Amino acid sequence: MLTGKQKRYLRSLAHHLTPIFQVGKGGTNDNLVRHIQEAIEVRELIKVSVLNNNDEDPREIGAELAEKSGCELVQVIGKTIVLYKESVDHKEIVLPR
């Protein structure tokens, strides 16, 4: 579980990132979750964009993606979701205590 200070730090790092995945009208699926797991192992911090043709609540999508992929949900702002997971092999981000 991330503290407020850690979430603020991660939000500041994620500000300059561009979304690398999109959730369309089909919603989330196992294939998307697998790709997120692979990408987050290398990057540690990613953004996911929810397209306008998706009628689901982005907060629910973010919670579902975080749960299924084993990540921490950092932020949902508008239709952008920020996810974090500490990498085993490619650790670069050092969280404040």
N, C-alpha and C. Protein backbone atom coordinates (compact mmCIF):
# COMPACT_ATOMS: atom_id res chain seq x y z
N MET A 1 0.84 -1.19 0.00
CA MET A 1 0.00 0.00 0.00
C MET A 1 0.88 1.24 0.00
N LEU A 2 0.57 2.16 -0.88
CA LEU A 2 1.34 3.39 -0.99
C LEU A 2 0.83 4.45 -0.03
N THR A 3 1.75 5.24 0.52
CA THR A 3 1.36 6.36 1.37
C THR A 3 1.04 7.56 0.48
N GLY A 4 0.46 8.59 1.07
CA GLY A 4 0.14 9.79 0.32
C GLY A 4 1.37 10.45 -0.27
N LYS A 5 2.45 10.45 0.50
CA LYS A 5 3.69 11.05 0.04
C LYS A 5 4.25 10.29 -1.17
N GLN A 6 4.18 8.97 -1.11
CA GLN A 6 4.66 8.15 -2.22
C GLN A 6 3.81 8.35 -3.46
N LYS A 7 2.49 8.46 -3.28
CA LYS A 7 1.60 8.70 -4.42
C LYS A 7 1.89 10.05 -5.07
N ARG A 8 2.13 11.07 -4.26
CA ARG A 8 2.47 12.39 -4.80
C ARG A 8 3.75 12.32 -5.62
N TYR A 9 4.73 11.61 -5.10
CA TYR A 9 6.01 11.46 -5.80
C TYR A 9 5.80 10.74 -7.14
N LEU A 10 5.04 9.65 -7.13
CA LEU A 10 4.78 8.91 -8.36
C LEU A 10 3.98 9.72 -9.36
N ARG A 11 3.02 10.52 -8.87
CA ARG A 11 2.25 11.39 -9.77
C ARG A 11 3.17 12.40 -10.46
N SER A 12 4.16 12.92 -9.72
CA SER A 12 5.08 13.88 -10.31
C SER A 12 5.93 13.21 -11.39
N LEU A 13 6.32 11.96 -11.17
CA LEU A 13 7.09 11.23 -12.20
C LEU A 13 6.23 10.89 -13.41
N ALA A 14 4.97 10.59 -13.17
CA ALA A 14 4.07 10.17 -14.25
C ALA A 14 3.58 11.34 -15.09
N HIS A 15 3.73 12.54 -14.59
CA HIS A 15 3.20 13.71 -15.30
C HIS A 15 3.70 13.79 -16.75
N HIS A 16 4.96 13.46 -16.98
CA HIS A 16 5.54 13.61 -18.31
C HIS A 16 5.40 12.37 -19.18
N LEU A 17 4.83 11.30 -18.63
CA LEU A 17 4.65 10.07 -19.41
C LEU A 17 3.46 10.18 -20.35
N THR A 18 3.53 9.45 -21.45
CA THR A 18 2.37 9.35 -22.34
C THR A 18 1.75 7.97 -22.14
N PRO A 19 0.44 7.86 -22.28
CA PRO A 19 -0.21 6.55 -22.12
C PRO A 19 0.31 5.55 -23.15
N ILE A 20 0.61 4.34 -22.68
CA ILE A 20 1.11 3.31 -23.61
C ILE A 20 0.06 2.25 -23.92
N PHE A 21 -1.05 2.25 -23.18
CA PHE A 21 -2.15 1.33 -23.45
C PHE A 21 -3.45 2.11 -23.49
N GLN A 22 -4.42 1.58 -24.25
CA GLN A 22 -5.73 2.19 -24.35
C GLN A 22 -6.80 1.13 -24.07
N VAL A 23 -7.82 1.55 -23.34
CA VAL A 23 -8.97 0.68 -23.08
C VAL A 23 -10.12 1.21 -23.92
N GLY A 24 -10.57 0.43 -24.88
CA GLY A 24 -11.63 0.86 -25.78
C GLY A 24 -12.99 0.33 -25.34
N LYS A 25 -13.91 0.26 -26.31
CA LYS A 25 -15.27 -0.14 -25.97
C LYS A 25 -15.36 -1.60 -25.56
N GLY A 26 -14.35 -2.40 -25.88
CA GLY A 26 -14.34 -3.79 -25.47
C GLY A 26 -14.02 -3.97 -23.99
N GLY A 27 -13.52 -2.93 -23.35
CA GLY A 27 -13.18 -3.01 -21.93
C GLY A 27 -11.86 -3.72 -21.71
N THR A 28 -11.68 -4.19 -20.49
CA THR A 28 -10.44 -4.90 -20.16
C THR A 28 -10.57 -6.37 -20.49
N ASN A 29 -9.44 -7.00 -20.79
CA ASN A 29 -9.43 -8.44 -21.05
C ASN A 29 -8.10 -9.01 -20.57
N ASP A 30 -7.98 -10.33 -20.62
CA ASP A 30 -6.77 -10.98 -20.13
C ASP A 30 -5.53 -10.60 -20.93
N ASN A 31 -5.70 -10.37 -22.21
CA ASN A 31 -4.59 -9.99 -23.07
C ASN A 31 -4.02 -8.63 -22.65
N LEU A 32 -4.90 -7.67 -22.39
CA LEU A 32 -4.47 -6.34 -21.95
C LEU A 32 -3.75 -6.44 -20.60
N VAL A 33 -4.29 -7.22 -19.69
CA VAL A 33 -3.69 -7.38 -18.36
C VAL A 33 -2.29 -7.99 -18.49
N ARG A 34 -2.13 -8.97 -19.37
CA ARG A 34 -0.82 -9.60 -19.56
C ARG A 34 0.20 -8.61 -20.11
N HIS A 35 -0.22 -7.78 -21.07
CA HIS A 35 0.67 -6.76 -21.63
C HIS A 35 1.05 -5.72 -20.57
N ILE A 36 0.09 -5.35 -19.74
CA ILE A 36 0.39 -4.39 -18.66
C ILE A 36 1.40 -4.98 -17.69
N GLN A 37 1.23 -6.25 -17.33
CA GLN A 37 2.17 -6.90 -16.42
C GLN A 37 3.59 -6.91 -17.00
N GLU A 38 3.70 -7.19 -18.29
CA GLU A 38 5.01 -7.22 -18.93
C GLU A 38 5.63 -5.83 -18.98
N ALA A 39 4.84 -4.83 -19.33
CA ALA A 39 5.36 -3.47 -19.46
C ALA A 39 5.72 -2.88 -18.11
N ILE A 40 4.94 -3.16 -17.09
CA ILE A 40 5.18 -2.56 -15.78
C ILE A 40 6.41 -3.17 -15.11
N GLU A 41 6.75 -4.40 -15.48
CA GLU A 41 7.98 -5.01 -14.95
C GLU A 41 9.21 -4.25 -15.45
N VAL A 42 9.14 -3.75 -16.67
CA VAL A 42 10.27 -3.02 -17.24
C VAL A 42 10.24 -1.55 -16.84
N ARG A 43 9.06 -0.93 -16.85
CA ARG A 43 8.95 0.52 -16.65
C ARG A 43 8.64 0.94 -15.21
N GLU A 44 7.99 0.11 -14.45
CA GLU A 44 7.55 0.36 -13.07
C GLU A 44 6.36 1.32 -12.97
N LEU A 45 6.28 2.30 -13.85
CA LEU A 45 5.22 3.31 -13.79
C LEU A 45 4.67 3.51 -15.20
N ILE A 46 3.37 3.31 -15.37
CA ILE A 46 2.77 3.46 -16.71
C ILE A 46 1.45 4.22 -16.61
N LYS A 47 1.07 4.76 -17.76
CA LYS A 47 -0.23 5.40 -17.90
C LYS A 47 -1.07 4.58 -18.87
N VAL A 48 -2.36 4.50 -18.56
CA VAL A 48 -3.32 3.82 -19.43
C VAL A 48 -4.43 4.81 -19.73
N SER A 49 -4.81 4.91 -20.98
CA SER A 49 -5.85 5.85 -21.41
C SER A 49 -7.16 5.10 -21.65
N VAL A 50 -8.27 5.68 -21.20
CA VAL A 50 -9.59 5.13 -21.47
C VAL A 50 -10.20 5.95 -22.61
N LEU A 51 -10.53 5.28 -23.69
CA LEU A 51 -11.06 5.98 -24.86
C LEU A 51 -12.48 6.47 -24.63
N ASN A 52 -12.89 7.44 -25.43
CA ASN A 52 -14.22 8.03 -25.28
C ASN A 52 -15.35 7.06 -25.61
N ASN A 53 -15.08 6.02 -26.42
CA ASN A 53 -16.13 5.08 -26.77
C ASN A 53 -16.38 4.04 -25.68
N ASN A 54 -15.67 4.12 -24.55
CA ASN A 54 -15.87 3.23 -23.42
C ASN A 54 -16.79 3.92 -22.43
N ASP A 55 -17.90 3.26 -22.09
CA ASP A 55 -18.91 3.86 -21.21
C ASP A 55 -18.67 3.58 -19.73
N GLU A 56 -17.70 2.74 -19.41
CA GLU A 56 -17.45 2.41 -18.00
C GLU A 56 -16.75 3.56 -17.28
N ASP A 57 -16.84 3.55 -15.96
CA ASP A 57 -16.19 4.55 -15.13
C ASP A 57 -14.68 4.28 -15.11
N PRO A 58 -13.84 5.27 -15.44
CA PRO A 58 -12.39 5.05 -15.43
C PRO A 58 -11.85 4.61 -14.07
N ARG A 59 -12.50 5.02 -12.98
CA ARG A 59 -12.05 4.59 -11.65
C ARG A 59 -12.23 3.09 -11.47
N GLU A 60 -13.35 2.58 -11.97
CA GLU A 60 -13.61 1.13 -11.89
C GLU A 60 -12.62 0.35 -12.76
N ILE A 61 -12.34 0.89 -13.95
CA ILE A 61 -11.39 0.24 -14.84
C ILE A 61 -10.00 0.23 -14.20
N GLY A 62 -9.61 1.35 -13.60
CA GLY A 62 -8.31 1.43 -12.93
C GLY A 62 -8.20 0.45 -11.80
N ALA A 63 -9.24 0.34 -10.99
CA ALA A 63 -9.23 -0.60 -9.87
C ALA A 63 -9.15 -2.04 -10.38
N GLU A 64 -9.88 -2.33 -11.45
CA GLU A 64 -9.87 -3.68 -12.01
C GLU A 64 -8.51 -4.04 -12.59
N LEU A 65 -7.91 -3.09 -13.34
CA LEU A 65 -6.58 -3.35 -13.91
C LEU A 65 -5.53 -3.53 -12.82
N ALA A 66 -5.60 -2.70 -11.77
CA ALA A 66 -4.64 -2.81 -10.67
C ALA A 66 -4.76 -4.16 -9.97
N GLU A 67 -5.99 -4.58 -9.73
CA GLU A 67 -6.23 -5.85 -9.04
C GLU A 67 -5.75 -7.04 -9.87
N LYS A 68 -6.12 -7.06 -11.15
CA LYS A 68 -5.79 -8.20 -12.00
C LYS A 68 -4.30 -8.28 -12.32
N SER A 69 -3.64 -7.13 -12.42
CA SER A 69 -2.22 -7.15 -12.79
C SER A 69 -1.29 -7.09 -11.59
N GLY A 70 -1.84 -6.95 -10.39
CA GLY A 70 -1.02 -6.92 -9.19
C GLY A 70 -0.28 -5.62 -8.99
N CYS A 71 -0.82 -4.53 -9.53
CA CYS A 71 -0.19 -3.21 -9.44
C CYS A 71 -0.87 -2.36 -8.36
N GLU A 72 -0.28 -1.21 -8.11
CA GLU A 72 -0.88 -0.21 -7.23
C GLU A 72 -1.52 0.86 -8.11
N LEU A 73 -2.74 1.24 -7.80
CA LEU A 73 -3.40 2.32 -8.51
C LEU A 73 -2.93 3.63 -7.90
N VAL A 74 -2.20 4.41 -8.65
CA VAL A 74 -1.65 5.68 -8.15
C VAL A 74 -2.67 6.79 -8.30
N GLN A 75 -3.28 6.88 -9.49
CA GLN A 75 -4.17 8.02 -9.76
C GLN A 75 -5.09 7.70 -10.93
N VAL A 76 -6.29 8.23 -10.85
CA VAL A 76 -7.19 8.26 -12.00
C VAL A 76 -7.62 9.71 -12.14
N ILE A 77 -7.20 10.33 -13.23
CA ILE A 77 -7.57 11.72 -13.46
C ILE A 77 -8.16 11.81 -14.86
N GLY A 78 -9.42 12.21 -14.92
CA GLY A 78 -10.12 12.21 -16.20
C GLY A 78 -10.25 10.80 -16.71
N LYS A 79 -9.69 10.56 -17.89
CA LYS A 79 -9.73 9.21 -18.47
C LYS A 79 -8.33 8.61 -18.55
N THR A 80 -7.45 9.07 -17.65
CA THR A 80 -6.08 8.56 -17.60
C THR A 80 -5.84 7.86 -16.27
N ILE A 81 -5.28 6.66 -16.35
CA ILE A 81 -5.01 5.84 -15.18
C ILE A 81 -3.50 5.70 -15.04
N VAL A 82 -2.99 5.88 -13.82
CA VAL A 82 -1.56 5.72 -13.55
C VAL A 82 -1.39 4.50 -12.63
N LEU A 83 -0.55 3.55 -13.08
CA LEU A 83 -0.30 2.33 -12.32
C LEU A 83 1.18 2.21 -11.98
N TYR A 84 1.47 1.63 -10.80
CA TYR A 84 2.85 1.44 -10.36
C TYR A 84 3.02 0.04 -9.77
N LYS A 85 4.17 -0.54 -10.05
CA LYS A 85 4.56 -1.78 -9.39
C LYS A 85 6.08 -1.83 -9.35
N GLU A 86 6.62 -2.11 -8.19
CA GLU A 86 8.07 -2.19 -8.05
C GLU A 86 8.60 -3.34 -8.89
N SER A 87 9.62 -3.05 -9.68
CA SER A 87 10.20 -4.06 -10.57
C SER A 87 11.17 -4.95 -9.81
N VAL A 88 11.22 -6.20 -10.20
CA VAL A 88 12.16 -7.14 -9.59
C VAL A 88 13.54 -7.00 -10.23
N ASP A 89 13.59 -6.93 -11.55
CA ASP A 89 14.87 -6.90 -12.28
C ASP A 89 15.30 -5.51 -12.73
N HIS A 90 14.36 -4.59 -12.91
CA HIS A 90 14.68 -3.27 -13.48
C HIS A 90 14.32 -2.14 -12.53
N LYS A 91 14.67 -2.24 -11.27
CA LYS A 91 14.26 -1.25 -10.27
C LYS A 91 15.01 0.06 -10.51
N GLU A 92 14.24 1.13 -10.73
CA GLU A 92 14.83 2.45 -10.93
C GLU A 92 14.23 3.48 -9.99
N ILE A 93 12.96 3.35 -9.66
CA ILE A 93 12.27 4.33 -8.84
C ILE A 93 12.49 4.01 -7.35
N VAL A 94 12.98 4.99 -6.62
CA VAL A 94 13.15 4.85 -5.17
C VAL A 94 12.09 5.71 -4.51
N LEU A 95 11.16 5.06 -3.82
CA LEU A 95 10.06 5.77 -3.18
C LEU A 95 10.51 6.44 -1.88
N PRO A 96 9.98 7.64 -1.60
CA PRO A 96 10.25 8.25 -0.28
C PRO A 96 9.55 7.46 0.81
N ARG A 97 10.05 7.55 2.02
CA ARG A 97 9.45 6.79 3.13
C ARG A 97 8.27 7.50 3.71
